[in-house]
N, C-alpha and C. Protein backbone atom coordinates (compact mmCIF):
# COMPACT_ATOMS: atom_id res chain seq x y z
N MET A 1 4.53 4.17 -82.60
CA MET A 1 5.21 2.68 -81.82
C MET A 1 6.06 2.69 -81.21
N LYS A 2 7.07 3.27 -81.52
CA LYS A 2 8.44 3.41 -80.63
C LYS A 2 8.28 4.18 -79.80
N ASN A 3 7.60 5.03 -79.52
CA ASN A 3 7.18 6.06 -78.30
C ASN A 3 6.90 4.99 -77.39
N TRP A 4 5.84 4.25 -77.70
CA TRP A 4 5.11 3.44 -76.27
C TRP A 4 6.21 2.49 -76.45
N GLN A 5 6.99 1.55 -76.78
CA GLN A 5 8.00 0.73 -76.57
C GLN A 5 8.85 1.86 -76.00
N LYS A 6 9.41 2.56 -76.17
CA LYS A 6 10.03 3.17 -75.68
C LYS A 6 9.82 3.42 -73.74
N TYR A 7 8.71 3.91 -74.12
CA TYR A 7 7.78 4.35 -72.68
C TYR A 7 7.68 3.02 -71.94
N LYS A 8 7.16 1.98 -72.15
CA LYS A 8 7.16 0.20 -71.84
C LYS A 8 8.32 0.18 -71.18
N TYR A 9 9.53 0.20 -72.15
CA TYR A 9 10.80 -0.18 -71.52
C TYR A 9 11.34 0.88 -70.17
N VAL A 10 10.77 1.68 -70.30
CA VAL A 10 11.38 2.73 -69.02
C VAL A 10 10.10 2.42 -68.13
N VAL A 11 8.90 2.24 -68.01
CA VAL A 11 7.92 2.04 -66.84
C VAL A 11 8.64 0.38 -66.44
N GLU A 12 8.80 -0.17 -67.42
CA GLU A 12 8.93 -1.66 -66.71
C GLU A 12 10.73 -1.82 -66.00
N ARG A 13 11.46 -1.42 -66.37
CA ARG A 13 12.78 -1.66 -66.01
C ARG A 13 12.96 -0.54 -64.51
N LYS A 14 12.18 0.31 -64.44
CA LYS A 14 12.49 0.94 -62.92
C LYS A 14 12.08 0.23 -62.12
N LYS A 15 13.02 0.21 -60.92
CA LYS A 15 12.43 -0.91 -59.97
C LYS A 15 12.37 0.01 -58.67
N GLY A 16 11.81 -0.21 -57.20
CA GLY A 16 11.72 0.63 -56.34
C GLY A 16 10.41 1.42 -55.94
N LEU A 17 10.53 2.46 -54.78
CA LEU A 17 9.13 2.77 -54.56
C LEU A 17 9.17 4.52 -55.27
N THR A 18 8.02 4.59 -55.43
CA THR A 18 7.76 6.12 -55.81
C THR A 18 7.67 6.89 -54.54
N MET A 19 7.75 7.97 -54.63
CA MET A 19 7.94 9.21 -53.60
C MET A 19 6.73 8.53 -52.81
N VAL A 20 5.64 8.62 -53.35
CA VAL A 20 4.19 8.85 -52.66
C VAL A 20 3.80 7.15 -51.91
N GLU A 21 4.36 6.33 -52.48
CA GLU A 21 4.38 4.97 -51.88
C GLU A 21 5.01 4.92 -50.39
N LEU A 22 6.10 5.56 -50.63
CA LEU A 22 7.34 5.86 -49.47
C LEU A 22 6.75 6.71 -48.44
N LEU A 23 6.24 7.83 -48.22
CA LEU A 23 5.45 8.20 -47.45
C LEU A 23 4.08 7.91 -47.19
N ILE A 24 3.56 7.11 -47.63
CA ILE A 24 2.63 6.44 -47.21
C ILE A 24 2.68 5.08 -46.21
N SER A 25 3.83 4.36 -46.48
CA SER A 25 4.29 3.10 -45.93
C SER A 25 5.07 3.83 -44.54
N LEU A 26 5.79 5.12 -44.43
CA LEU A 26 6.31 5.88 -43.48
C LEU A 26 5.21 6.33 -42.62
N ALA A 27 3.91 6.77 -43.01
CA ALA A 27 2.91 7.35 -42.11
C ALA A 27 2.38 6.00 -41.63
N LEU A 28 2.18 5.29 -42.28
CA LEU A 28 1.43 3.76 -41.30
C LEU A 28 2.67 3.27 -40.33
N ILE A 29 3.96 2.92 -40.48
CA ILE A 29 5.16 2.55 -39.66
C ILE A 29 4.60 3.53 -38.16
N GLY A 30 4.54 4.82 -38.67
CA GLY A 30 4.22 5.78 -37.42
C GLY A 30 3.74 5.71 -36.66
N VAL A 31 2.18 5.18 -37.25
CA VAL A 31 0.93 5.02 -36.76
C VAL A 31 1.22 4.00 -36.10
N ILE A 32 1.52 2.67 -36.08
CA ILE A 32 1.68 1.27 -35.71
C ILE A 32 2.87 1.84 -34.62
N ILE A 33 3.86 2.51 -34.86
CA ILE A 33 4.67 2.57 -33.60
C ILE A 33 4.30 3.33 -32.40
N LEU A 34 3.20 4.59 -33.17
CA LEU A 34 2.48 5.25 -32.01
C LEU A 34 1.46 4.54 -31.43
N LEU A 35 0.76 3.77 -31.69
CA LEU A 35 0.02 3.05 -30.95
C LEU A 35 0.72 1.81 -30.08
N VAL A 36 1.77 1.05 -30.78
CA VAL A 36 2.22 -0.11 -30.05
C VAL A 36 2.81 0.90 -28.62
N SER A 37 3.81 2.14 -28.90
CA SER A 37 3.95 2.28 -27.49
C SER A 37 2.99 3.41 -26.61
N SER A 38 2.03 3.68 -27.01
CA SER A 38 0.73 4.12 -26.15
C SER A 38 0.03 2.89 -25.53
N ILE A 39 0.29 1.60 -26.17
CA ILE A 39 -0.68 0.35 -25.53
C ILE A 39 0.86 0.02 -24.48
N TYR A 40 1.78 -0.09 -24.57
CA TYR A 40 3.20 -0.28 -23.71
C TYR A 40 3.09 0.50 -22.54
N ILE A 41 2.89 2.24 -23.05
CA ILE A 41 2.97 3.35 -21.38
C ILE A 41 1.80 2.57 -21.03
N PHE A 42 0.75 2.41 -21.25
CA PHE A 42 -0.48 2.42 -20.51
C PHE A 42 -0.39 1.16 -19.74
N GLY A 43 0.28 0.07 -20.41
CA GLY A 43 0.29 -1.28 -19.24
C GLY A 43 1.32 -1.05 -18.24
N VAL A 44 2.65 -0.24 -18.42
CA VAL A 44 3.24 -0.26 -17.51
C VAL A 44 2.93 0.99 -16.19
N LYS A 45 1.93 1.57 -16.73
CA LYS A 45 1.20 2.36 -15.66
C LYS A 45 0.28 2.03 -14.88
N ILE A 46 -0.65 0.75 -15.38
CA ILE A 46 -1.60 -0.15 -14.91
C ILE A 46 -0.49 -1.08 -13.78
N PHE A 47 0.33 -1.24 -14.51
CA PHE A 47 1.41 -2.29 -13.63
C PHE A 47 1.61 -1.77 -12.24
N ASP A 48 2.49 -0.32 -12.05
CA ASP A 48 2.62 0.07 -11.50
C ASP A 48 1.60 0.51 -10.63
N LYS A 49 0.71 0.60 -11.07
CA LYS A 49 -0.62 1.33 -9.97
C LYS A 49 -0.98 0.11 -8.99
N GLY A 50 -0.97 -1.04 -9.96
CA GLY A 50 -1.23 -2.30 -9.48
C GLY A 50 -0.21 -2.78 -8.16
N THR A 51 0.85 -2.56 -8.67
CA THR A 51 1.66 -2.98 -7.90
C THR A 51 1.74 -2.03 -6.43
N THR A 52 1.73 -1.05 -6.29
CA THR A 52 1.43 0.22 -5.30
C THR A 52 0.47 -0.37 -4.61
N GLN A 53 -0.46 -0.53 -5.13
CA GLN A 53 -1.99 -1.44 -4.53
C GLN A 53 -2.07 -2.39 -3.72
N SER A 54 -1.23 -3.25 -4.25
CA SER A 54 -1.22 -4.64 -3.71
C SER A 54 0.03 -4.35 -2.40
N ASN A 55 1.26 -3.66 -2.75
CA ASN A 55 2.13 -3.71 -1.32
C ASN A 55 1.42 -2.74 -0.37
N ILE A 56 0.65 -1.86 -0.54
CA ILE A 56 0.09 -1.02 0.70
C ILE A 56 -0.99 -2.21 1.21
N GLN A 57 -1.68 -2.61 0.18
CA GLN A 57 -2.88 -3.79 1.40
C GLN A 57 -1.62 -4.71 1.82
N VAL A 58 -0.67 -5.13 1.60
CA VAL A 58 0.22 -6.23 2.23
C VAL A 58 0.57 -5.89 3.63
N GLU A 59 1.44 -4.24 3.50
CA GLU A 59 1.79 -3.68 4.46
C GLU A 59 0.81 -3.68 5.77
N THR A 60 -0.51 -3.34 5.35
CA THR A 60 -1.31 -2.74 5.87
C THR A 60 -2.06 -4.10 6.78
N THR A 61 -2.54 -4.95 5.92
CA THR A 61 -2.93 -6.51 6.48
C THR A 61 -1.72 -6.92 7.42
N GLN A 62 -0.63 -6.88 6.81
CA GLN A 62 0.38 -7.52 7.97
C GLN A 62 0.48 -7.05 9.34
N ALA A 63 0.43 -5.71 9.26
CA ALA A 63 0.30 -4.67 10.69
C ALA A 63 -0.73 -4.85 11.48
N GLY A 64 -2.10 -5.15 10.66
CA GLY A 64 -3.56 -5.56 11.19
C GLY A 64 -3.18 -6.79 11.94
N ASP A 65 -2.80 -7.77 11.32
CA ASP A 65 -2.49 -9.29 11.71
C ASP A 65 -1.78 -9.15 13.20
N PHE A 66 -0.46 -8.02 12.80
CA PHE A 66 0.51 -8.44 14.24
C PHE A 66 -0.30 -7.67 15.31
N ILE A 67 -1.29 -6.62 14.96
CA ILE A 67 -1.65 -5.83 16.15
C ILE A 67 -2.56 -6.77 16.98
N THR A 68 -3.33 -7.76 16.24
CA THR A 68 -4.63 -8.60 16.54
C THR A 68 -3.91 -9.88 17.48
N LYS A 69 -2.70 -10.41 16.51
CA LYS A 69 -2.41 -11.20 17.43
C LYS A 69 -1.85 -10.87 19.06
N GLU A 70 -1.09 -9.51 18.88
CA GLU A 70 -0.28 -9.02 20.11
C GLU A 70 -1.79 -8.75 21.23
N LEU A 71 -2.35 -7.96 20.79
CA LEU A 71 -3.49 -7.35 21.58
C LEU A 71 -4.37 -8.57 22.20
N ARG A 72 -4.93 -9.45 21.08
CA ARG A 72 -6.13 -10.35 21.47
C ARG A 72 -6.28 -11.05 23.18
N ASN A 73 -4.66 -11.10 23.61
CA ASN A 73 -4.62 -11.83 24.96
C ASN A 73 -3.98 -10.95 25.75
N ALA A 74 -4.00 -9.58 25.49
CA ALA A 74 -3.27 -8.95 26.41
C ALA A 74 -4.71 -8.55 27.79
N VAL A 75 -3.33 -8.63 28.94
CA VAL A 75 -3.81 -8.49 30.38
C VAL A 75 -4.45 -7.11 30.53
N GLU A 76 -3.65 -5.99 30.10
CA GLU A 76 -3.71 -5.08 30.34
C GLU A 76 -3.72 -3.58 29.51
N ILE A 77 -4.42 -2.80 29.16
CA ILE A 77 -4.36 -1.67 28.33
C ILE A 77 -4.62 -0.58 28.67
N THR A 78 -3.68 0.49 28.31
CA THR A 78 -3.73 2.19 28.77
C THR A 78 -3.29 3.31 27.59
N PHE A 79 -3.97 3.84 27.53
CA PHE A 79 -3.36 5.09 26.54
C PHE A 79 -2.68 5.96 27.42
N ASN A 80 -2.71 5.94 28.28
CA ASN A 80 -1.84 6.78 29.67
C ASN A 80 -0.60 5.89 29.52
N THR A 81 0.68 7.33 29.06
CA THR A 81 1.90 7.07 29.39
C THR A 81 2.16 6.45 30.66
N PRO A 82 2.61 4.88 30.99
CA PRO A 82 2.97 4.50 32.39
C PRO A 82 4.50 4.72 33.05
N VAL A 83 4.15 4.83 34.34
CA VAL A 83 5.58 5.54 35.18
C VAL A 83 6.54 4.30 34.39
N ASN A 84 6.76 3.49 34.42
CA ASN A 84 7.91 2.67 33.84
C ASN A 84 7.67 2.22 32.40
N ILE A 85 7.83 2.64 31.48
CA ILE A 85 7.41 2.35 30.26
C ILE A 85 8.10 0.91 29.46
N ARG A 86 8.99 0.64 30.29
CA ARG A 86 9.58 -0.63 30.28
C ARG A 86 9.14 -2.10 30.01
N GLU A 87 8.37 -1.29 31.30
CA GLU A 87 7.08 -2.74 31.65
C GLU A 87 5.80 -2.99 30.71
N TYR A 88 6.06 -2.37 29.99
CA TYR A 88 4.73 -2.30 28.84
C TYR A 88 5.17 -2.66 27.10
N SER A 89 4.58 -3.32 26.75
CA SER A 89 4.74 -3.19 25.16
C SER A 89 4.04 -2.02 24.49
N MET A 90 4.74 -1.51 23.46
CA MET A 90 4.07 -0.64 22.78
C MET A 90 3.99 -0.55 21.24
N ILE A 91 2.85 -0.24 20.81
CA ILE A 91 2.50 -0.14 19.38
C ILE A 91 2.22 1.54 19.08
N TYR A 92 2.73 2.16 18.03
CA TYR A 92 2.63 3.35 17.59
C TYR A 92 3.15 3.90 16.81
N LEU A 93 2.59 5.15 16.01
CA LEU A 93 3.10 5.59 14.87
C LEU A 93 4.38 6.49 15.41
N ASP A 94 5.19 6.58 14.35
CA ASP A 94 6.49 7.47 14.43
C ASP A 94 7.27 7.59 12.85
N LYS A 95 6.79 8.76 12.66
CA LYS A 95 7.54 9.00 11.30
C LYS A 95 6.85 8.37 10.09
N ASN A 96 5.64 8.09 10.19
CA ASN A 96 4.68 7.56 8.71
C ASN A 96 4.97 5.80 9.16
N ILE A 97 5.52 5.40 10.13
CA ILE A 97 6.12 3.94 10.30
C ILE A 97 5.20 3.36 11.59
N ILE A 98 4.52 2.27 11.51
CA ILE A 98 3.93 2.22 12.54
C ILE A 98 5.07 0.63 13.29
N LYS A 99 5.33 1.07 14.52
CA LYS A 99 6.41 0.66 15.42
C LYS A 99 5.70 -0.33 16.45
N TYR A 100 6.63 -1.03 16.63
CA TYR A 100 6.47 -2.14 18.06
C TYR A 100 7.16 -2.19 18.94
N LYS A 101 7.48 -1.83 20.61
CA LYS A 101 8.24 -1.85 21.17
C LYS A 101 7.77 -2.96 22.44
N PRO A 102 8.63 -3.93 22.42
CA PRO A 102 8.62 -5.21 23.00
C PRO A 102 8.61 -4.28 24.35
N GLU A 103 7.92 -5.30 25.48
CA GLU A 103 8.17 -4.89 26.66
C GLU A 103 9.82 -5.33 27.15
N GLY A 104 10.02 -4.62 28.04
CA GLY A 104 11.40 -4.46 28.43
C GLY A 104 12.35 -3.89 27.90
N LYS A 105 11.90 -3.35 26.65
CA LYS A 105 13.03 -2.56 25.76
C LYS A 105 12.59 -0.99 25.93
N THR A 106 13.45 -0.41 25.37
CA THR A 106 13.51 1.27 25.56
C THR A 106 12.89 1.39 23.87
N LEU A 107 12.23 2.84 23.62
CA LEU A 107 11.76 3.40 22.45
C LEU A 107 12.69 3.19 21.27
N GLU A 108 14.11 3.60 21.66
CA GLU A 108 15.17 3.27 20.51
C GLU A 108 15.34 2.26 20.13
N GLU A 109 15.22 1.02 20.94
CA GLU A 109 14.83 -0.56 20.31
C GLU A 109 13.69 -0.86 19.43
N SER A 110 13.06 -0.17 19.28
CA SER A 110 11.25 -0.81 18.68
C SER A 110 11.75 -0.88 17.10
N VAL A 111 10.94 -1.74 16.42
CA VAL A 111 10.85 -2.91 15.57
C VAL A 111 10.23 -1.98 14.37
N ASN A 112 10.15 -1.60 13.32
CA ASN A 112 9.60 -1.43 12.10
C ASN A 112 8.01 -2.64 11.81
N LYS A 113 7.29 -1.88 12.13
CA LYS A 113 6.45 -3.02 11.25
C LYS A 113 5.77 -3.02 9.99
N THR A 114 5.72 -1.33 9.33
CA THR A 114 5.29 -1.27 8.25
C THR A 114 6.61 -0.31 7.62
N ASP A 115 6.33 -0.21 6.23
CA ASP A 115 7.31 0.79 5.76
C ASP A 115 6.58 2.70 6.10
N ALA A 116 6.92 3.39 5.44
CA ALA A 116 6.08 4.44 5.45
C ALA A 116 5.15 4.71 4.73
N ILE A 117 3.89 4.04 5.26
CA ILE A 117 2.60 4.13 4.72
C ILE A 117 1.45 4.64 5.20
N ILE A 118 2.16 5.36 6.20
CA ILE A 118 1.13 6.32 7.04
C ILE A 118 1.33 7.57 6.61
N LEU A 119 0.48 8.28 6.00
CA LEU A 119 0.52 10.09 5.94
C LEU A 119 0.07 10.41 7.14
N ASP A 120 -0.86 10.62 7.77
CA ASP A 120 -1.32 11.66 8.99
C ASP A 120 -1.33 10.56 10.34
N SER A 121 -1.16 11.52 11.26
CA SER A 121 -1.29 10.93 12.76
C SER A 121 -2.54 10.21 12.76
N ASN A 122 -3.97 10.61 12.29
CA ASN A 122 -5.16 9.97 12.35
C ASN A 122 -5.29 8.83 11.35
N ASP A 123 -4.04 8.21 10.70
CA ASP A 123 -4.33 7.12 9.77
C ASP A 123 -3.92 5.69 11.03
N LEU A 124 -3.71 6.16 11.59
CA LEU A 124 -3.24 4.82 12.94
C LEU A 124 -4.03 5.21 14.15
N SER A 125 -5.32 4.78 14.50
CA SER A 125 -6.18 5.00 15.71
C SER A 125 -6.21 3.72 16.44
N PHE A 126 -6.51 3.72 17.63
CA PHE A 126 -6.98 2.92 18.71
C PHE A 126 -8.26 3.20 19.34
N GLN A 127 -9.16 2.72 19.75
CA GLN A 127 -9.85 2.74 20.40
C GLN A 127 -10.81 1.67 21.47
N THR A 128 -10.90 1.50 22.72
CA THR A 128 -11.64 0.68 23.23
C THR A 128 -13.07 0.61 23.53
N ARG A 129 -13.84 -0.31 23.57
CA ARG A 129 -14.95 -0.03 24.19
C ARG A 129 -15.92 -1.12 24.79
N ASN A 130 -16.79 -1.23 25.38
CA ASN A 130 -17.40 -2.73 26.40
C ASN A 130 -18.71 -2.60 25.36
N LYS A 131 -18.86 -4.09 25.09
CA LYS A 131 -20.04 -4.33 24.25
C LYS A 131 -20.70 -5.48 24.86
N ASN A 132 -21.78 -5.72 25.58
CA ASN A 132 -22.48 -7.19 26.15
C ASN A 132 -21.43 -7.67 27.24
N SER A 133 -21.21 -6.99 28.04
CA SER A 133 -20.06 -7.58 28.92
C SER A 133 -19.06 -7.78 28.77
N MET A 134 -18.27 -7.36 27.48
CA MET A 134 -17.23 -7.88 26.78
C MET A 134 -16.45 -6.66 25.95
N ALA A 135 -14.89 -6.42 26.72
CA ALA A 135 -13.94 -5.55 26.05
C ALA A 135 -13.41 -5.94 24.82
N PHE A 136 -13.59 -4.76 23.75
CA PHE A 136 -13.30 -4.69 22.41
C PHE A 136 -11.90 -3.39 22.26
N LEU A 137 -11.23 -4.06 21.38
CA LEU A 137 -10.45 -3.15 20.76
C LEU A 137 -10.60 -3.16 19.60
N ASN A 138 -10.93 -1.76 19.02
CA ASN A 138 -11.27 -1.20 17.37
C ASN A 138 -9.81 -0.65 17.04
N PHE A 139 -9.14 -0.90 15.71
CA PHE A 139 -8.33 -0.32 15.55
C PHE A 139 -8.70 -0.01 13.92
N THR A 140 -8.13 1.18 13.30
CA THR A 140 -7.88 1.56 11.86
C THR A 140 -6.66 1.79 11.22
N ILE A 141 -6.31 1.42 9.73
CA ILE A 141 -5.36 1.74 9.56
C ILE A 141 -5.45 2.10 8.65
N LYS A 142 -4.97 3.14 7.58
CA LYS A 142 -4.83 3.65 6.53
C LYS A 142 -3.66 3.50 5.84
N GLY A 143 -3.39 2.85 4.56
CA GLY A 143 -1.90 2.95 4.39
C GLY A 143 -2.05 3.66 2.79
N THR A 144 -1.29 4.35 2.44
CA THR A 144 -0.99 5.50 1.32
C THR A 144 0.30 5.38 0.69
N GLY A 145 -0.05 5.64 -0.58
CA GLY A 145 1.26 5.41 -1.43
C GLY A 145 0.75 5.79 -2.26
N LYS A 146 1.43 6.65 -3.29
CA LYS A 146 1.07 7.02 -4.68
C LYS A 146 -0.18 6.94 -5.05
N GLN A 147 -0.65 8.04 -4.70
CA GLN A 147 -2.02 8.25 -4.71
C GLN A 147 -3.25 6.92 -4.62
N GLN A 148 -2.32 6.13 -4.45
CA GLN A 148 -3.33 4.40 -3.61
C GLN A 148 -3.35 4.69 -2.35
N SER A 149 -4.42 3.91 -1.86
CA SER A 149 -4.83 3.88 -0.75
C SER A 149 -5.70 2.32 0.03
N TYR A 150 -5.57 2.18 1.33
CA TYR A 150 -6.17 0.98 1.54
C TYR A 150 -6.64 1.07 3.06
N LEU A 151 -7.60 1.02 3.45
CA LEU A 151 -8.49 1.29 4.50
C LEU A 151 -8.41 -0.22 5.45
N LEU A 152 -7.88 -0.13 6.52
CA LEU A 152 -8.23 -1.89 7.24
C LEU A 152 -8.98 -1.27 8.70
N ASN A 153 -10.31 -1.26 8.63
CA ASN A 153 -10.79 -1.42 10.42
C ASN A 153 -10.98 -2.73 11.00
N SER A 154 -10.63 -2.95 12.06
CA SER A 154 -10.71 -4.59 12.79
C SER A 154 -11.51 -4.19 14.21
N GLU A 155 -11.75 -5.19 14.85
CA GLU A 155 -12.40 -4.94 15.95
C GLU A 155 -11.72 -6.37 16.38
N VAL A 156 -11.23 -6.15 17.73
CA VAL A 156 -10.63 -7.63 18.52
C VAL A 156 -11.34 -7.61 19.60
N LEU A 157 -11.36 -8.81 20.24
CA LEU A 157 -11.91 -9.16 21.48
C LEU A 157 -10.74 -9.52 22.40
N LEU A 158 -10.80 -8.61 23.42
CA LEU A 158 -9.81 -8.91 24.65
C LEU A 158 -10.09 -10.11 25.46
N ASN A 159 -9.55 -11.00 25.11
CA ASN A 159 -10.14 -12.32 25.82
C ASN A 159 -9.65 -12.02 27.40
N ASN A 160 -8.49 -11.37 28.17
CA ASN A 160 -8.09 -11.50 29.47
C ASN A 160 -8.59 -10.17 29.93
N ILE A 161 -9.72 -9.39 29.41
CA ILE A 161 -10.20 -7.83 29.95
C ILE A 161 -11.68 -7.88 30.05
N LYS A 162 -12.27 -8.27 31.33
CA LYS A 162 -13.49 -8.24 31.03
C LYS A 162 -13.99 -7.08 30.82
N SER A 163 -13.76 -5.88 31.50
CA SER A 163 -14.23 -4.43 31.30
C SER A 163 -13.23 -3.48 31.14
N ILE A 164 -13.45 -2.51 30.02
CA ILE A 164 -12.79 -1.43 30.25
C ILE A 164 -13.71 -0.32 29.45
N GLU A 165 -12.85 1.07 29.84
CA GLU A 165 -13.49 2.42 29.70
C GLU A 165 -13.62 2.44 28.14
N ASN A 166 -14.45 3.00 27.94
CA ASN A 166 -14.32 3.47 26.28
C ASN A 166 -13.78 4.54 26.48
N SER A 167 -13.04 4.55 25.30
CA SER A 167 -11.75 5.82 25.27
C SER A 167 -11.94 6.35 23.95
N SER A 168 -11.23 7.51 23.98
CA SER A 168 -11.33 8.38 22.56
C SER A 168 -10.24 7.59 21.66
N SER A 169 -10.04 8.48 20.38
CA SER A 169 -8.98 7.66 19.40
C SER A 169 -8.00 8.17 19.65
N TYR A 170 -6.88 6.83 19.71
CA TYR A 170 -5.25 7.39 19.92
C TYR A 170 -4.59 6.69 18.86
N ASN A 171 -3.21 7.27 18.41
CA ASN A 171 -2.17 6.58 17.71
C ASN A 171 -0.95 5.94 18.21
N PHE A 172 -1.50 5.27 19.56
CA PHE A 172 -0.71 4.49 20.48
C PHE A 172 -1.20 3.56 21.10
N ILE A 173 -0.68 2.71 21.81
CA ILE A 173 -1.61 1.78 22.73
C ILE A 173 -0.34 1.14 23.66
N TYR A 174 -0.20 1.45 24.70
CA TYR A 174 0.68 0.53 25.68
C TYR A 174 -0.28 -0.54 26.39
N TYR A 175 0.38 -1.77 26.25
CA TYR A 175 -0.22 -3.16 27.17
C TYR A 175 0.89 -4.24 27.54
N LYS A 176 0.11 -4.86 28.21
CA LYS A 176 1.07 -6.29 28.86
C LYS A 176 0.31 -7.09 28.13
N VAL A 177 1.12 -8.44 28.42
CA VAL A 177 0.47 -9.90 27.90
C VAL A 177 1.23 -10.38 28.62
N ILE A 178 0.36 -11.98 28.71
CA ILE A 178 0.76 -12.83 29.39
C ILE A 178 1.89 -13.77 29.04
N LYS A 179 2.91 -13.68 29.90
CA LYS A 179 4.44 -14.33 29.42
C LYS A 179 4.28 -15.65 29.42
N ASP A 180 4.71 -16.07 28.11
CA ASP A 180 4.78 -17.71 28.07
C ASP A 180 6.15 -18.44 28.88
């Protein structure tokens, strides 16, 4: 009987964790930390991807809106370099950036219309064509960044031009607009 009481006394007096309990709790904590960190990393990657896609879409659509607004009321459009460039406004691609040169300015005074979202010179293109006795300008902008891309195709009715030659695809355009 004394052995039993001695054993009971020793078992009841010991407080704390056994080695097995400690190892199991550490393993559970490790699994929880691993799960939480992988969910966090996944969320950060998805957020970054969404932000990049959003930025590309915003840049591309703003450039498209600008091109539409500028060229809709153009009175003259050409893809040939004019004798006096200063008499024409110009939209063109320079080092992956869509730029705008206002009439009366030089190329050095051009304004950036996008960040560097254009990877290839073919990612900005202008084409003219006639359809039903009306002149149209088709343009395409493909913005790209961090393995995300956005393609914008648009057709603009040229209000002040009655007839225009069908053209090949160019990544620049010279034009004149009516001054206010």
